[in-house]
Amino acid sequence: MPLYWGNLPDALSMWLQNAGGVAAVGIFLVMLIHYVQRDAVDQSIWNLPSGLKFLSDYFLYLFGAVVIAYLVVIVGWIGLWLEIRGAANFAPRQIPGTALTIGDWILTIAGTIALAIALTPMVVDFVTRISWGRIWAIARLSWKEAIRGRVIWVFGAMALVFLFADWFVPFKAEDQVRNYVRVVYWSMTPLFLITAALLGSFSIPNDVRNNSIHTIVTKPVEKYEIVLGRFLGYAALLTIGLFVVASVSLIYVIRGVNDEAKHESYKARVPIYGYLHFAGTKEQNKGESVGREWGYRTYIQGQTQRQRGTLKQYAVWDFPYMPADVIERDEPIIFEFAFDIFRLSKGEEGKGLFCTFTFADVSKFNSSDPTRQALELDAKSNDMKERSEKARRAAEVKHEQAAKGLNEAARADLDKAYEQELKKIELDMNKEFRIYQAKTIEVTDYHTQTASIPKGIFKNIVNENPKMGNANEAPMPSLRVFVSVDESKESQMLGVAQPDFYILAYERDFWQNFLKGVLGMWCTHMFVLGIAIACSTYLTGIISLLTTLFLYIAGMFGDYLRDIAESRTEGGGPFEATFRLSTRLNTAATIEDTPGKTVLQTFDKFFSWWVGRILNLIPDINRHDLHPYVANGFDIGWGDVLFLDNLLPLIGYLIPWAVMAYYMMKYREIANPS
């Protein structure tokens, strides 16, 4: 799930469970290897200074408590599997985002203790033995070695993209910026990923093979200083290279942008999203299905001249709260949308689908049910139109009578007063009914369009202080928008999804957004570099490279692995799928209830459980792919996207790898400083 401030404590708890679990396994293996050695009695597991030796006994007692805690959770898991009453409280929750169980709290506390035990010797070394001056010297050495090895010339391969990309990019006027952004991002990503993987995987193994590391560690230099120096040096090289290539790529993207592309995606929109539900459909949380395999959008159907008696269908967006600066804005309020059209008939050539957008404050409506509100909305809208038209006709008669016999100058002043009177009538009607109905809009397929509310009217129809409903009712939103398909000769359907309709709060510069997207790419490169260097502290260069590539590729299929962990794959798990393939049974067919089916499903459940346990150990690569924001012209927020959803997961994922690299490098058989 994406990180936001509300679920940050929950994400921190999950991180402590996972990182602490890895630390506990590592501590257990170290203790097991230590005690099977012949001279184990004379050795200390934790290499602490003499003044802190007393902590070793406390660590043993604390780790014993951690083991007991994990045993309790394992018993809870077994009890849950055996369907023993009350056992679910001592097992971790099954659905992320729900309330923490006793088992979750046990895992969180045990993981925190195990992580603290693993981190203590590392922190002590950082305070007493690690020198940042030596780390900086190794970083500069890594930098110089990479330059001498002509690694930076790899970045020049981007010139081929700039020279020949136009030959292969499909051109459509409004997609110009979108296509160029995709080409540039997809070209930079593998270029820098391969560079990061090669530098990280082969640096330390090459030092060991060439025996140069023996000279370094006897200077004296701590072994972990080599790891940090290598990482910081290569990270700086990749960062500068990425910034230079991204700057040149930005110039390539923005050159000669046409007007259609500027309107579509040459911007950085700051949207305010609402919550989508439906009125007049079978279910409130989704519209009608048209049989498309991709279920991102659901559909509402328009009435025809032969079906006027049927219940009208609406797509309804709720905006819970409205920022004060948007309410007080002097210029018109812009709503943008991009819908899909599913035609049930040929329709008229060259014409889109005509829709009505109604904006309302529903806090004064008689019912809180959206379907009943839609019926009430029609009555209120018709009443408002009739009264508004009556007031306009009266103002028009009064204007014509007053204009008789006036000269041209006096007539101009009277016309201005008449226009002001018409605006006042509209404002008074909106203020009384708290409804605004935009003129009918012709919606075209998959094209960004706008619906606007004139200045002054928006404040009249927005509930500035929305209040919670009673126990049986949902809270009333600040603004509710009803979208319906107009009556036509033949029925047509409109496809909508929640992000398809939003308030355009602000617009920022495209070039800043482009560089923000590059920061997401940078996070991916740091992932790869950190994993590769951590693996290279113990493994050979080629094995480190293969391990890094395996984790990266597995991270690209994180959604599919999550479906396996939650048993949401079509055709069952791997064992059931193998059975279907061998018997040529399609995924829709039902397997007969036999003991063999029970065995297959039992193995699949165990496999799903196992995938769920290791899922959080795999990096979420897709999280850092921010090019859809840039390509479609949406702003990448500094706090919610870059910090919470990119930088924080990067730090959280690399910390356990850094701890593992510390211990693997520390206990590797290389000459130690005196």
Foldseek 3Di string as FASTA:
>chain_A
DFDDPVCVVVVLLVLLLQLLVVLLVVVVVLVVVLVVDPPSVPDQSQPDPPVCPVVSVVLVVLSVLLVVLVVQQVVLVVCVVVVPPPSVLLHADPDPPDDGGVVSVSSSVSSVSSVCSLCVSVVNCVVPPADVVLLQVLLVVLLVVCVVVVLLVLLVVVVVCLVCVVVPFDDDQQQLLLRLLVSLVVVVQVSLQVSLLQLQLAVVLVCVVVVVVQVDCAVPHALLSNLSSSLVNVLVVSVVSLVVSLVVSVCSSPPPRDPSNCVFFQWAFAWQFFQKFKALAPGGRAHDDPPDPDPQWGKAKAAAPVRVPGQFMWIKTFRAADDPCQLQDQFWWKKKFAWAWDFPDPPDPPFAFKKKKKKAQCPPPPDQDPRVVVVVVVVLVVVLVVVLVVQLVVLVVVLVVVQPPDDPVVNVVSVVVSVVSSVVSVQVSCLVRLMDMFDIDGHDHRGMDITIDGGPSSNSNFDNDWDADDPPHGTGGRMMMIMGTYYYNGMIMMIDHRVRMTIRPDIHGLSVQSVLLSLLSSLLSSLLNLQSNLVNLADHSVVSSVVSVVLLVVLVCLVVLLCLLVQNDQQTAPLSVVVCVVVVNDSVDDDDDDVVVVVSNVVSNVVSPVSVSCSVLRDNSVLSNPSVSSSRHHHQDVPSRPVRSGVVSSVSNSVSSSSSSSVSNNPPPHDHYD
